[in-house]
Amino acid sequence: MLSKLTIVGLSQFSPDIWDNLNLPEGIDKEVFISEVIRQGGEFSLVYPDADFMKYQIGEFSKKWYHNFERWYQAYKFEYEALYNLDVKSTITEEGHNEEEGEKNTTDSRRDTSSNSGNSSSSNSNTHSKAAYDSQAFQPTEKDEGSSNLNSHNSGENTSNGSSNEKTNASSNHRIVTEEYRRGNQGITMSQEMLLAEYNAWRSNIYTMMAEVFVSEFCVCIYN
């Protein structure tokens, strides 16, 4: 029987061949390696050189990273097994409102005032003179006068005023309505969906990933 180098033997000889293995977050690296050894531990390797195998494992990670990531996202996706309707719709309504207004104000004012008055006065002056041979004064001249003053004042003030005020207002509105429908439409029986759920979970993400690795790096020949 010809000797052969397996993944188990190479891992024991050079454990660092797995250093370049890069898996998406959430996937356990040790579980993956254990599943690879379980599936392909007895098969010969395509690349028996340790350094070259280490390099190829790194390239394998780059090649399958996105696929493994999507597998894992589907693996941990949460859903209701017996629901076949899950619809969410969003309706957005947007609009613009404008309002215009006008206000007129008129103010009229009139003030009237009147003042009147009368005043009178009289004056009397008497001139006296004494003869040369007498000490008694005798009136010689008399002046009399009078005055009368009438006054009347009137006035009127008128004021008019007006104002005009215009207003212009605008506003925007945005209304978002969300509708969410979920459940069973009745097209597929619950028993059928339950069986599909059972078949879906018969698969295992680590088993599928290890199958890809073994198919690329192992010579699958049974002795």
N, C-alpha and C. Protein backbone atom coordinates (compact mmCIF):
# COMPACT_ATOMS: atom_id res chain seq x y z
N MET A 1 0.85 -1.19 0.00
CA MET A 1 0.00 0.00 0.00
C MET A 1 0.89 1.24 0.00
N LEU A 2 0.56 2.19 -0.87
CA LEU A 2 1.31 3.42 -0.93
C LEU A 2 0.96 4.29 0.27
N SER A 3 1.96 4.98 0.83
CA SER A 3 1.70 5.90 1.93
C SER A 3 1.05 7.16 1.37
N LYS A 4 0.29 7.78 2.19
CA LYS A 4 -0.38 9.01 1.77
C LYS A 4 -0.37 10.00 2.92
N LEU A 5 -0.42 11.29 2.55
CA LEU A 5 -0.45 12.36 3.54
C LEU A 5 -1.87 12.90 3.61
N THR A 6 -2.47 12.78 4.77
CA THR A 6 -3.85 13.23 4.96
C THR A 6 -3.89 14.57 5.67
N ILE A 7 -5.10 15.12 5.76
CA ILE A 7 -5.27 16.39 6.47
C ILE A 7 -4.96 16.23 7.95
N VAL A 8 -5.22 15.04 8.47
CA VAL A 8 -4.90 14.79 9.88
C VAL A 8 -3.39 14.79 10.08
N GLY A 9 -2.67 14.07 9.21
CA GLY A 9 -1.23 14.00 9.34
C GLY A 9 -0.57 15.36 9.14
N LEU A 10 -1.03 16.13 8.14
CA LEU A 10 -0.43 17.44 7.89
C LEU A 10 -0.73 18.41 9.03
N SER A 11 -1.92 18.30 9.62
CA SER A 11 -2.26 19.17 10.76
C SER A 11 -1.38 18.86 11.96
N GLN A 12 -1.06 17.59 12.15
CA GLN A 12 -0.18 17.22 13.27
C GLN A 12 1.25 17.63 13.00
N PHE A 13 1.68 17.54 11.74
CA PHE A 13 3.05 17.90 11.38
C PHE A 13 3.25 19.41 11.39
N SER A 14 2.25 20.14 10.88
CA SER A 14 2.36 21.60 10.80
C SER A 14 1.01 22.23 11.18
N PRO A 15 0.76 22.44 12.48
CA PRO A 15 -0.53 22.98 12.92
C PRO A 15 -0.84 24.38 12.38
N ASP A 16 0.21 25.10 11.93
CA ASP A 16 -0.02 26.47 11.47
C ASP A 16 -0.64 26.54 10.07
N ILE A 17 -0.97 25.41 9.46
CA ILE A 17 -1.58 25.47 8.12
C ILE A 17 -2.95 26.13 8.18
N TRP A 18 -3.55 26.21 9.38
CA TRP A 18 -4.88 26.81 9.53
C TRP A 18 -4.82 28.29 9.90
N ASP A 19 -3.62 28.85 9.99
CA ASP A 19 -3.50 30.25 10.43
C ASP A 19 -4.16 31.22 9.45
N ASN A 20 -4.15 30.92 8.17
CA ASN A 20 -4.73 31.83 7.16
C ASN A 20 -6.22 31.60 6.93
N LEU A 21 -6.82 30.68 7.70
CA LEU A 21 -8.25 30.41 7.54
C LEU A 21 -9.05 31.57 8.14
N ASN A 22 -9.83 32.23 7.34
CA ASN A 22 -10.62 33.39 7.77
C ASN A 22 -12.09 33.11 7.49
N LEU A 23 -12.90 33.04 8.54
CA LEU A 23 -14.32 32.72 8.41
C LEU A 23 -15.16 33.90 8.88
N PRO A 24 -16.38 34.05 8.38
CA PRO A 24 -17.25 35.15 8.80
C PRO A 24 -17.51 35.12 10.30
N GLU A 25 -17.80 36.30 10.84
CA GLU A 25 -18.08 36.42 12.27
C GLU A 25 -19.30 35.58 12.65
N GLY A 26 -19.18 34.83 13.73
CA GLY A 26 -20.26 33.97 14.18
C GLY A 26 -20.02 32.51 13.91
N ILE A 27 -19.13 32.20 12.95
CA ILE A 27 -18.82 30.81 12.63
C ILE A 27 -17.59 30.38 13.44
N ASP A 28 -17.74 29.28 14.16
CA ASP A 28 -16.66 28.78 15.02
C ASP A 28 -15.60 28.08 14.19
N LYS A 29 -14.39 28.61 14.23
CA LYS A 29 -13.28 28.07 13.44
C LYS A 29 -12.93 26.65 13.86
N GLU A 30 -12.88 26.38 15.16
CA GLU A 30 -12.50 25.05 15.65
C GLU A 30 -13.53 24.00 15.26
N VAL A 31 -14.81 24.37 15.30
CA VAL A 31 -15.86 23.42 14.88
C VAL A 31 -15.72 23.10 13.40
N PHE A 32 -15.40 24.09 12.60
CA PHE A 32 -15.22 23.87 11.17
C PHE A 32 -14.05 22.92 10.91
N ILE A 33 -12.90 23.15 11.55
CA ILE A 33 -11.72 22.30 11.35
C ILE A 33 -12.03 20.85 11.79
N SER A 34 -12.72 20.71 12.90
CA SER A 34 -13.07 19.37 13.38
C SER A 34 -13.97 18.65 12.38
N GLU A 35 -14.91 19.39 11.76
CA GLU A 35 -15.80 18.77 10.78
C GLU A 35 -15.04 18.41 9.50
N VAL A 36 -14.06 19.22 9.09
CA VAL A 36 -13.23 18.90 7.92
C VAL A 36 -12.44 17.61 8.18
N ILE A 37 -11.84 17.50 9.36
CA ILE A 37 -11.07 16.29 9.69
C ILE A 37 -11.99 15.08 9.76
N ARG A 38 -13.20 15.26 10.29
CA ARG A 38 -14.12 14.13 10.38
C ARG A 38 -14.53 13.63 9.00
N GLN A 39 -14.77 14.57 8.06
CA GLN A 39 -15.21 14.16 6.73
C GLN A 39 -14.05 13.69 5.85
N GLY A 40 -12.91 14.36 5.91
CA GLY A 40 -11.83 14.04 4.97
C GLY A 40 -10.55 13.58 5.60
N GLY A 41 -10.63 13.12 6.85
CA GLY A 41 -9.41 12.74 7.55
C GLY A 41 -8.66 11.58 6.93
N GLU A 42 -9.33 10.67 6.22
CA GLU A 42 -8.67 9.50 5.65
C GLU A 42 -8.28 9.66 4.19
N PHE A 43 -8.56 10.83 3.59
CA PHE A 43 -8.25 11.05 2.18
C PHE A 43 -6.90 11.74 2.02
N SER A 44 -6.26 11.46 0.90
CA SER A 44 -5.00 12.12 0.58
C SER A 44 -5.26 13.58 0.20
N LEU A 45 -4.25 14.41 0.43
CA LEU A 45 -4.36 15.83 0.10
C LEU A 45 -3.88 16.10 -1.32
N VAL A 46 -4.51 17.06 -1.97
CA VAL A 46 -4.08 17.51 -3.29
C VAL A 46 -2.74 18.24 -3.18
N TYR A 47 -2.55 18.99 -2.09
CA TYR A 47 -1.32 19.75 -1.86
C TYR A 47 -0.67 19.24 -0.57
N PRO A 48 0.26 18.28 -0.68
CA PRO A 48 0.87 17.72 0.53
C PRO A 48 1.92 18.61 1.17
N ASP A 49 2.36 19.67 0.46
CA ASP A 49 3.36 20.57 1.03
C ASP A 49 2.67 21.49 2.06
N ALA A 50 3.24 21.58 3.25
CA ALA A 50 2.61 22.33 4.35
C ALA A 50 2.51 23.82 4.03
N ASP A 51 3.60 24.43 3.53
CA ASP A 51 3.57 25.88 3.26
C ASP A 51 2.57 26.20 2.14
N PHE A 52 2.58 25.36 1.10
CA PHE A 52 1.66 25.62 0.00
C PHE A 52 0.21 25.36 0.43
N MET A 53 -0.01 24.38 1.28
CA MET A 53 -1.35 24.11 1.78
C MET A 53 -1.85 25.27 2.63
N LYS A 54 -0.96 25.84 3.43
CA LYS A 54 -1.32 27.01 4.25
C LYS A 54 -1.75 28.17 3.36
N TYR A 55 -1.00 28.40 2.29
CA TYR A 55 -1.35 29.47 1.36
C TYR A 55 -2.69 29.22 0.69
N GLN A 56 -2.92 27.97 0.26
CA GLN A 56 -4.16 27.64 -0.43
C GLN A 56 -5.38 27.73 0.50
N ILE A 57 -5.20 27.42 1.76
CA ILE A 57 -6.31 27.58 2.72
C ILE A 57 -6.69 29.06 2.84
N GLY A 58 -5.69 29.95 2.82
CA GLY A 58 -5.98 31.39 2.83
C GLY A 58 -6.74 31.82 1.60
N GLU A 59 -6.36 31.31 0.44
CA GLU A 59 -7.07 31.64 -0.79
C GLU A 59 -8.48 31.05 -0.79
N PHE A 60 -8.63 29.88 -0.21
CA PHE A 60 -9.95 29.27 -0.06
C PHE A 60 -10.88 30.16 0.76
N SER A 61 -10.35 30.77 1.82
CA SER A 61 -11.14 31.68 2.66
C SER A 61 -11.62 32.88 1.87
N LYS A 62 -10.75 33.46 1.06
CA LYS A 62 -11.14 34.62 0.26
C LYS A 62 -12.21 34.24 -0.77
N LYS A 63 -12.06 33.07 -1.35
CA LYS A 63 -12.97 32.63 -2.41
C LYS A 63 -14.38 32.37 -1.89
N TRP A 64 -14.48 31.74 -0.74
CA TRP A 64 -15.77 31.31 -0.22
C TRP A 64 -16.30 32.18 0.91
N TYR A 65 -15.62 33.25 1.26
CA TYR A 65 -16.02 34.06 2.42
C TYR A 65 -17.45 34.58 2.27
N HIS A 66 -17.74 35.19 1.13
CA HIS A 66 -19.08 35.77 0.93
C HIS A 66 -20.16 34.69 0.93
N ASN A 67 -19.86 33.54 0.33
CA ASN A 67 -20.84 32.45 0.32
C ASN A 67 -21.13 31.96 1.74
N PHE A 68 -20.08 31.75 2.50
CA PHE A 68 -20.26 31.28 3.88
C PHE A 68 -21.00 32.33 4.72
N GLU A 69 -20.72 33.59 4.45
CA GLU A 69 -21.39 34.65 5.20
C GLU A 69 -22.90 34.64 4.94
N ARG A 70 -23.28 34.49 3.67
CA ARG A 70 -24.71 34.44 3.33
C ARG A 70 -25.36 33.17 3.87
N TRP A 71 -24.64 32.07 3.88
CA TRP A 71 -25.17 30.84 4.46
C TRP A 71 -25.47 31.04 5.95
N TYR A 72 -24.53 31.69 6.62
CA TYR A 72 -24.71 31.90 8.06
C TYR A 72 -25.86 32.86 8.35
N GLN A 73 -26.00 33.89 7.53
CA GLN A 73 -27.12 34.83 7.72
C GLN A 73 -28.46 34.13 7.55
N ALA A 74 -28.54 33.26 6.55
CA ALA A 74 -29.78 32.48 6.35
C ALA A 74 -29.97 31.49 7.49
N TYR A 75 -28.88 30.97 8.01
CA TYR A 75 -28.92 29.97 9.08
C TYR A 75 -29.51 30.57 10.38
N LYS A 76 -29.18 31.82 10.67
CA LYS A 76 -29.63 32.44 11.92
C LYS A 76 -30.83 33.37 11.71
N PHE A 77 -31.39 33.39 10.50
CA PHE A 77 -32.53 34.25 10.22
C PHE A 77 -33.75 33.79 11.02
N GLU A 78 -34.44 34.75 11.65
CA GLU A 78 -35.60 34.43 12.47
C GLU A 78 -36.89 34.64 11.66
N TYR A 79 -37.78 33.67 11.71
CA TYR A 79 -39.03 33.75 10.97
C TYR A 79 -40.04 32.81 11.63
N GLU A 80 -41.30 32.95 11.23
CA GLU A 80 -42.37 32.06 11.67
C GLU A 80 -42.55 30.97 10.64
N ALA A 81 -42.35 29.73 11.06
CA ALA A 81 -42.36 28.61 10.11
C ALA A 81 -43.70 28.44 9.41
N LEU A 82 -44.79 28.77 10.08
CA LEU A 82 -46.12 28.54 9.51
C LEU A 82 -46.73 29.80 8.90
N TYR A 83 -45.91 30.82 8.70
CA TYR A 83 -46.37 32.05 8.06
C TYR A 83 -45.77 32.13 6.66
N ASN A 84 -46.61 32.45 5.68
CA ASN A 84 -46.10 32.65 4.32
C ASN A 84 -46.41 34.05 3.80
N LEU A 85 -46.78 34.94 4.71
CA LEU A 85 -47.03 36.32 4.33
C LEU A 85 -46.35 37.23 5.34
N ASP A 86 -45.48 38.05 4.83
CA ASP A 86 -44.77 39.01 5.68
C ASP A 86 -44.49 40.24 4.82
N VAL A 87 -45.42 41.18 4.79
CA VAL A 87 -45.35 42.34 3.90
C VAL A 87 -45.40 43.61 4.73
N LYS A 88 -44.47 44.49 4.46
CA LYS A 88 -44.43 45.80 5.11
C LYS A 88 -44.37 46.88 4.04
N SER A 89 -45.33 47.78 4.08
CA SER A 89 -45.38 48.86 3.09
C SER A 89 -45.39 50.21 3.80
N THR A 90 -44.79 51.18 3.16
CA THR A 90 -44.71 52.54 3.70
C THR A 90 -45.25 53.52 2.68
N ILE A 91 -46.21 54.35 3.10
CA ILE A 91 -46.81 55.37 2.24
C ILE A 91 -46.44 56.74 2.81
N THR A 92 -45.83 57.57 1.97
CA THR A 92 -45.40 58.90 2.41
C THR A 92 -46.17 59.96 1.63
N GLU A 93 -46.78 60.88 2.37
CA GLU A 93 -47.53 61.98 1.76
C GLU A 93 -46.88 63.30 2.16
N GLU A 94 -46.53 64.08 1.16
CA GLU A 94 -45.90 65.36 1.40
C GLU A 94 -46.70 66.46 0.71
N GLY A 95 -46.79 67.62 1.33
CA GLY A 95 -47.56 68.72 0.76
C GLY A 95 -47.07 70.07 1.25
N HIS A 96 -47.57 71.12 0.59
CA HIS A 96 -47.19 72.50 0.92
C HIS A 96 -48.45 73.34 1.02
N ASN A 97 -48.62 74.05 2.13
CA ASN A 97 -49.80 74.89 2.36
C ASN A 97 -49.37 76.35 2.43
N GLU A 98 -50.20 77.20 1.81
CA GLU A 98 -49.96 78.64 1.86
C GLU A 98 -51.24 79.35 2.28
N GLU A 99 -51.10 80.34 3.17
CA GLU A 99 -52.24 81.13 3.65
C GLU A 99 -51.90 82.61 3.51
N GLU A 100 -52.88 83.37 2.94
CA GLU A 100 -52.71 84.81 2.77
C GLU A 100 -53.87 85.53 3.46
N GLY A 101 -53.60 86.68 4.06
CA GLY A 101 -54.65 87.47 4.73
C GLY A 101 -54.36 88.95 4.62
N GLU A 102 -55.41 89.77 4.72
CA GLU A 102 -55.26 91.23 4.63
C GLU A 102 -56.16 91.89 5.66
N LYS A 103 -55.64 92.90 6.36
CA LYS A 103 -56.37 93.60 7.40
C LYS A 103 -56.25 95.10 7.18
N ASN A 104 -57.43 95.79 7.04
CA ASN A 104 -57.46 97.23 6.84
C ASN A 104 -58.03 97.90 8.09
N THR A 105 -57.40 98.97 8.55
CA THR A 105 -57.84 99.71 9.73
C THR A 105 -57.86 101.20 9.40
N THR A 106 -59.03 101.89 9.70
CA THR A 106 -59.18 103.33 9.45
C THR A 106 -59.50 104.03 10.76
N ASP A 107 -58.81 105.12 11.03
CA ASP A 107 -58.99 105.88 12.28
C ASP A 107 -59.24 107.35 11.92
N SER A 108 -60.42 107.90 12.31
CA SER A 108 -60.77 109.31 12.04
C SER A 108 -61.03 110.01 13.35
N ARG A 109 -60.48 111.21 13.49
CA ARG A 109 -60.58 111.93 14.77
C ARG A 109 -60.77 113.42 14.50
N ARG A 110 -61.71 114.04 15.28
CA ARG A 110 -61.99 115.47 15.11
C ARG A 110 -62.16 116.11 16.48
N ASP A 111 -61.39 117.14 16.75
CA ASP A 111 -61.46 117.87 18.03
C ASP A 111 -61.84 119.32 17.75
N THR A 112 -62.87 119.86 18.52
CA THR A 112 -63.34 121.25 18.37
C THR A 112 -63.29 121.93 19.74
N SER A 113 -62.76 123.16 19.75
CA SER A 113 -62.69 123.91 21.02
C SER A 113 -63.12 125.36 20.77
N SER A 114 -63.79 126.01 21.78
CA SER A 114 -64.25 127.40 21.64
C SER A 114 -64.09 128.11 22.99
N ASN A 115 -63.52 129.35 22.96
CA ASN A 115 -63.33 130.15 24.17
C ASN A 115 -63.84 131.58 23.89
N SER A 116 -64.60 132.15 24.81
CA SER A 116 -65.08 133.54 24.65
C SER A 116 -65.00 134.28 26.00
N GLY A 117 -64.84 135.64 25.99
CA GLY A 117 -64.77 136.42 27.24
C GLY A 117 -64.98 137.91 26.98
N ASN A 118 -65.53 138.60 28.00
CA ASN A 118 -65.76 140.05 27.93
C ASN A 118 -65.03 140.73 29.07
N SER A 119 -64.46 141.89 28.81
CA SER A 119 -63.82 142.70 29.88
C SER A 119 -64.09 144.18 29.61
N SER A 120 -64.35 144.93 30.69
CA SER A 120 -64.61 146.39 30.55
C SER A 120 -63.84 147.15 31.64
N SER A 121 -63.50 148.37 31.36
CA SER A 121 -62.80 149.22 32.34
C SER A 121 -63.16 150.69 32.10
N SER A 122 -63.13 151.55 33.17
CA SER A 122 -63.42 153.00 33.06
C SER A 122 -62.37 153.79 33.83
N ASN A 123 -62.04 154.93 33.33
CA ASN A 123 -61.03 155.80 33.96
C ASN A 123 -61.61 157.22 34.12
N SER A 124 -61.34 157.86 35.27
CA SER A 124 -61.80 159.25 35.50
C SER A 124 -60.66 160.04 36.16
N ASN A 125 -60.29 161.12 35.55
CA ASN A 125 -59.22 161.98 36.08
C ASN A 125 -59.74 163.41 36.25
N THR A 126 -59.51 164.03 37.41
CA THR A 126 -59.97 165.42 37.69
C THR A 126 -58.75 166.29 38.00
N HIS A 127 -58.66 167.44 37.37
CA HIS A 127 -57.56 168.38 37.59
C HIS A 127 -58.10 169.56 38.41
N SER A 128 -57.40 169.91 39.49
CA SER A 128 -57.82 171.03 40.36
C SER A 128 -56.72 172.09 40.41
N LYS A 129 -57.17 173.29 40.72
CA LYS A 129 -56.20 174.40 40.78
C LYS A 129 -56.70 175.38 41.89
N ALA A 130 -55.81 175.97 42.64
CA ALA A 130 -56.15 176.94 43.71
C ALA A 130 -55.82 178.37 43.24
N ALA A 131 -56.73 179.32 43.60
CA ALA A 131 -56.48 180.72 43.22
C ALA A 131 -55.35 181.27 44.08
N TYR A 132 -54.81 182.40 43.68
CA TYR A 132 -53.64 182.89 44.38
C TYR A 132 -54.02 183.38 45.77
N ASP A 133 -55.28 183.78 45.97
CA ASP A 133 -55.68 184.32 47.25
C ASP A 133 -56.52 183.34 48.05
N SER A 134 -56.43 182.05 47.69
CA SER A 134 -57.26 181.06 48.39
C SER A 134 -56.45 179.77 48.52
N GLN A 135 -56.66 179.06 49.63
CA GLN A 135 -56.00 177.77 49.85
C GLN A 135 -56.84 176.61 49.38
N ALA A 136 -58.04 176.84 48.94
CA ALA A 136 -58.94 175.74 48.50
C ALA A 136 -58.74 175.51 47.02
N PHE A 137 -58.75 174.23 46.67
CA PHE A 137 -58.59 173.84 45.27
C PHE A 137 -59.95 173.73 44.64
N GLN A 138 -59.99 174.26 43.46
CA GLN A 138 -61.23 174.19 42.70
C GLN A 138 -60.96 173.41 41.42
N PRO A 139 -61.91 172.49 41.14
CA PRO A 139 -61.70 171.70 39.89
C PRO A 139 -61.72 172.58 38.68
N THR A 140 -60.78 172.33 37.82
CA THR A 140 -60.71 173.12 36.60
C THR A 140 -60.92 172.24 35.37
N GLU A 141 -60.63 170.91 35.49
CA GLU A 141 -60.72 170.05 34.27
C GLU A 141 -60.95 168.60 34.72
N LYS A 142 -61.76 167.93 34.02
CA LYS A 142 -62.09 166.54 34.35
C LYS A 142 -62.07 165.70 33.08
N ASP A 143 -61.32 164.51 33.13
CA ASP A 143 -61.25 163.59 31.99
C ASP A 143 -61.88 162.25 32.40
N GLU A 144 -62.74 161.79 31.62
CA GLU A 144 -63.37 160.49 31.87
C GLU A 144 -63.23 159.60 30.63
N GLY A 145 -63.01 158.34 30.84
CA GLY A 145 -62.89 157.39 29.72
C GLY A 145 -63.33 155.99 30.12
N SER A 146 -63.74 155.24 29.17
CA SER A 146 -64.15 153.83 29.40
C SER A 146 -63.71 152.98 28.21
N SER A 147 -63.52 151.68 28.48
CA SER A 147 -63.14 150.72 27.41
C SER A 147 -63.85 149.39 27.62
N ASN A 148 -64.15 148.77 26.56
CA ASN A 148 -64.86 147.46 26.59
C ASN A 148 -64.17 146.51 25.60
N LEU A 149 -63.75 145.30 26.06
CA LEU A 149 -62.99 144.33 25.25
C LEU A 149 -63.73 142.99 25.20
N ASN A 150 -64.04 142.62 24.03
CA ASN A 150 -64.67 141.29 23.81
C ASN A 150 -63.67 140.39 23.05
N SER A 151 -63.56 139.14 23.50
CA SER A 151 -62.65 138.19 22.82
C SER A 151 -63.37 136.86 22.60
N HIS A 152 -63.08 136.24 21.49
CA HIS A 152 -63.69 134.93 21.14
C HIS A 152 -62.67 134.10 20.36
N ASN A 153 -62.35 132.96 20.90
CA ASN A 153 -61.40 132.04 20.24
C ASN A 153 -62.07 130.71 19.98
N SER A 154 -61.87 130.22 18.82
CA SER A 154 -62.42 128.89 18.46
C SER A 154 -61.38 128.14 17.62
N GLY A 155 -61.39 126.85 17.74
CA GLY A 155 -60.43 126.04 16.98
C GLY A 155 -60.98 124.65 16.69
N GLU A 156 -60.45 124.04 15.67
CA GLU A 156 -60.90 122.68 15.27
C GLU A 156 -59.70 121.91 14.72
N ASN A 157 -59.51 120.72 15.29
CA ASN A 157 -58.43 119.84 14.83
C ASN A 157 -59.02 118.55 14.28
N THR A 158 -58.59 118.19 13.13
CA THR A 158 -59.09 116.97 12.48
C THR A 158 -57.90 116.10 12.08
N SER A 159 -57.96 114.80 12.44
CA SER A 159 -56.89 113.88 12.05
C SER A 159 -57.51 112.60 11.50
N ASN A 160 -56.94 112.12 10.44
CA ASN A 160 -57.39 110.88 9.81
C ASN A 160 -56.19 109.95 9.68
N GLY A 161 -56.42 108.66 9.94
CA GLY A 161 -55.35 107.67 9.80
C GLY A 161 -55.89 106.35 9.29
N SER A 162 -55.07 105.63 8.57
CA SER A 162 -55.47 104.32 8.05
C SER A 162 -54.21 103.43 7.98
N SER A 163 -54.44 102.13 8.15
CA SER A 163 -53.33 101.16 8.07
C SER A 163 -53.80 99.94 7.31
N ASN A 164 -52.86 99.31 6.65
CA ASN A 164 -53.15 98.10 5.87
C ASN A 164 -52.09 97.05 6.23
N GLU A 165 -52.55 95.89 6.66
CA GLU A 165 -51.64 94.83 7.08
C GLU A 165 -51.93 93.57 6.28
N LYS A 166 -50.88 93.00 5.69
CA LYS A 166 -51.00 91.78 4.91
C LYS A 166 -50.15 90.69 5.57
N THR A 167 -50.68 89.50 5.60
CA THR A 167 -49.97 88.35 6.17
C THR A 167 -49.87 87.25 5.12
N ASN A 168 -48.75 86.59 5.13
CA ASN A 168 -48.52 85.47 4.21
C ASN A 168 -47.79 84.37 4.99
N ALA A 169 -48.43 83.23 5.16
CA ALA A 169 -47.84 82.13 5.92
C ALA A 169 -47.85 80.86 5.07
N SER A 170 -46.81 80.08 5.20
CA SER A 170 -46.71 78.83 4.46
C SER A 170 -46.18 77.74 5.39
N SER A 171 -46.53 76.51 5.12
CA SER A 171 -46.08 75.38 5.94
C SER A 171 -45.99 74.14 5.08
N ASN A 172 -45.11 73.25 5.49
CA ASN A 172 -44.94 71.96 4.82
C ASN A 172 -45.40 70.85 5.75
N HIS A 173 -45.96 69.80 5.19
CA HIS A 173 -46.34 68.66 6.01
C HIS A 173 -45.89 67.37 5.33
N ARG A 174 -45.59 66.41 6.17
CA ARG A 174 -45.13 65.09 5.71
C ARG A 174 -45.77 64.03 6.61
N ILE A 175 -46.54 63.16 6.01
CA ILE A 175 -47.26 62.12 6.75
C ILE A 175 -46.76 60.76 6.25
N VAL A 176 -46.28 59.95 7.18
CA VAL A 176 -45.77 58.62 6.85
C VAL A 176 -46.69 57.58 7.47
N THR A 177 -47.22 56.71 6.65
CA THR A 177 -48.10 55.64 7.11
C THR A 177 -47.47 54.29 6.80
N GLU A 178 -47.36 53.45 7.81
CA GLU A 178 -46.78 52.14 7.63
C GLU A 178 -47.85 51.06 7.82
N GLU A 179 -47.82 50.08 6.94
CA GLU A 179 -48.77 48.98 7.00
C GLU A 179 -47.98 47.67 7.05
N TYR A 180 -48.34 46.82 7.97
CA TYR A 180 -47.61 45.56 8.16
C TYR A 180 -48.63 44.42 8.19
N ARG A 181 -48.44 43.47 7.27
CA ARG A 181 -49.32 42.30 7.20
C ARG A 181 -48.48 41.04 7.27
N ARG A 182 -48.89 40.13 8.11
CA ARG A 182 -48.19 38.87 8.24
C ARG A 182 -49.16 37.78 8.66
N GLY A 183 -48.77 36.56 8.35
CA GLY A 183 -49.64 35.43 8.71
C GLY A 183 -49.63 34.39 7.60
N ASN A 184 -50.72 33.65 7.51
CA ASN A 184 -50.87 32.59 6.51
C ASN A 184 -51.94 32.99 5.51
N GLN A 185 -51.55 33.04 4.22
CA GLN A 185 -52.51 33.42 3.18
C GLN A 185 -53.53 32.32 2.89
N GLY A 186 -53.21 31.11 3.29
CA GLY A 186 -54.13 30.01 3.03
C GLY A 186 -53.86 29.27 1.74
N ILE A 187 -52.83 29.69 0.98
CA ILE A 187 -52.51 29.01 -0.28
C ILE A 187 -51.83 27.67 0.00
N THR A 188 -50.94 27.66 0.98
CA THR A 188 -50.21 26.45 1.34
C THR A 188 -50.67 25.98 2.72
N MET A 189 -50.90 24.70 2.85
CA MET A 189 -51.35 24.17 4.13
C MET A 189 -50.24 24.24 5.16
N SER A 190 -50.61 24.38 6.39
CA SER A 190 -49.64 24.47 7.47
C SER A 190 -48.79 23.21 7.55
N GLN A 191 -49.37 22.05 7.25
CA GLN A 191 -48.60 20.80 7.30
C GLN A 191 -47.47 20.80 6.29
N GLU A 192 -47.72 21.36 5.09
CA GLU A 192 -46.68 21.41 4.06
C GLU A 192 -45.54 22.33 4.49
N MET A 193 -45.88 23.45 5.08
CA MET A 193 -44.84 24.37 5.54
C MET A 193 -44.07 23.77 6.70
N LEU A 194 -44.73 23.00 7.54
CA LEU A 194 -44.03 22.36 8.64
C LEU A 194 -43.03 21.32 8.16
N LEU A 195 -43.42 20.54 7.12
CA LEU A 195 -42.49 19.57 6.54
C LEU A 195 -41.31 20.26 5.87
N ALA A 196 -41.56 21.38 5.18
CA ALA A 196 -40.48 22.14 4.55
C ALA A 196 -39.52 22.68 5.60
N GLU A 197 -40.05 23.12 6.73
CA GLU A 197 -39.20 23.59 7.82
C GLU A 197 -38.32 22.46 8.35
N TYR A 198 -38.88 21.29 8.48
CA TYR A 198 -38.12 20.13 8.96
C TYR A 198 -36.99 19.78 7.99
N ASN A 199 -37.29 19.77 6.69
CA ASN A 199 -36.27 19.44 5.69
C ASN A 199 -35.18 20.50 5.63
N ALA A 200 -35.55 21.75 5.83
CA ALA A 200 -34.55 22.83 5.80
C ALA A 200 -33.55 22.68 6.93
N TRP A 201 -34.02 22.26 8.10
CA TRP A 201 -33.13 22.17 9.25
C TRP A 201 -32.45 20.81 9.37
N ARG A 202 -32.63 19.97 8.38
CA ARG A 202 -31.83 18.75 8.32
C ARG A 202 -30.40 19.06 7.88
N SER A 203 -30.24 20.17 7.18
CA SER A 203 -28.90 20.58 6.73
C SER A 203 -28.20 21.32 7.86
N ASN A 204 -26.87 21.22 7.85
CA ASN A 204 -26.05 21.87 8.86
C ASN A 204 -24.99 22.70 8.16
N ILE A 205 -24.82 23.95 8.62
CA ILE A 205 -23.90 24.86 7.94
C ILE A 205 -22.46 24.37 8.01
N TYR A 206 -22.03 23.78 9.12
CA TYR A 206 -20.65 23.28 9.23
C TYR A 206 -20.44 22.07 8.33
N THR A 207 -21.45 21.24 8.20
CA THR A 207 -21.35 20.09 7.30
C THR A 207 -21.20 20.53 5.86
N MET A 208 -22.00 21.51 5.46
CA MET A 208 -21.94 22.00 4.08
C MET A 208 -20.60 22.68 3.79
N MET A 209 -20.10 23.47 4.72
CA MET A 209 -18.82 24.15 4.52
C MET A 209 -17.67 23.14 4.44
N ALA A 210 -17.70 22.12 5.30
CA ALA A 210 -16.64 21.11 5.29
C ALA A 210 -16.68 20.31 3.99
N GLU A 211 -17.87 20.06 3.44
CA GLU A 211 -17.98 19.35 2.17
C GLU A 211 -17.30 20.13 1.05
N VAL A 212 -17.43 21.44 1.07
CA VAL A 212 -16.77 22.27 0.06
C VAL A 212 -15.25 22.16 0.21
N PHE A 213 -14.75 22.22 1.44
CA PHE A 213 -13.31 22.15 1.68
C PHE A 213 -12.76 20.79 1.23
N VAL A 214 -13.40 19.71 1.60
CA VAL A 214 -12.92 18.38 1.25
C VAL A 214 -12.91 18.17 -0.25
N SER A 215 -13.95 18.70 -0.92
CA SER A 215 -14.02 18.53 -2.37
C SER A 215 -12.90 19.27 -3.10
N GLU A 216 -12.35 20.33 -2.52
CA GLU A 216 -11.29 21.11 -3.17
C GLU A 216 -9.88 20.65 -2.79
N PHE A 217 -9.71 20.08 -1.60
CA PHE A 217 -8.35 19.77 -1.15
C PHE A 217 -8.07 18.28 -0.96
N CYS A 218 -9.06 17.44 -1.03
CA CYS A 218 -8.83 16.02 -0.76
C CYS A 218 -9.12 15.16 -2.02
N VAL A 219 -8.36 14.09 -2.15
CA VAL A 219 -8.61 13.09 -3.21
C VAL A 219 -9.52 12.02 -2.58
N CYS A 220 -10.78 12.11 -2.91
CA CYS A 220 -11.78 11.28 -2.24
C CYS A 220 -11.84 9.87 -2.87
N ILE A 221 -10.85 9.05 -2.53
CA ILE A 221 -10.79 7.66 -2.99
C ILE A 221 -10.77 6.77 -1.76
N TYR A 222 -11.72 5.84 -1.71
CA TYR A 222 -11.79 4.91 -0.59
C TYR A 222 -10.99 3.65 -0.92
N ASN A 223 -10.19 3.21 0.00
CA ASN A 223 -9.41 1.99 -0.21
C ASN A 223 -10.28 0.75 0.10
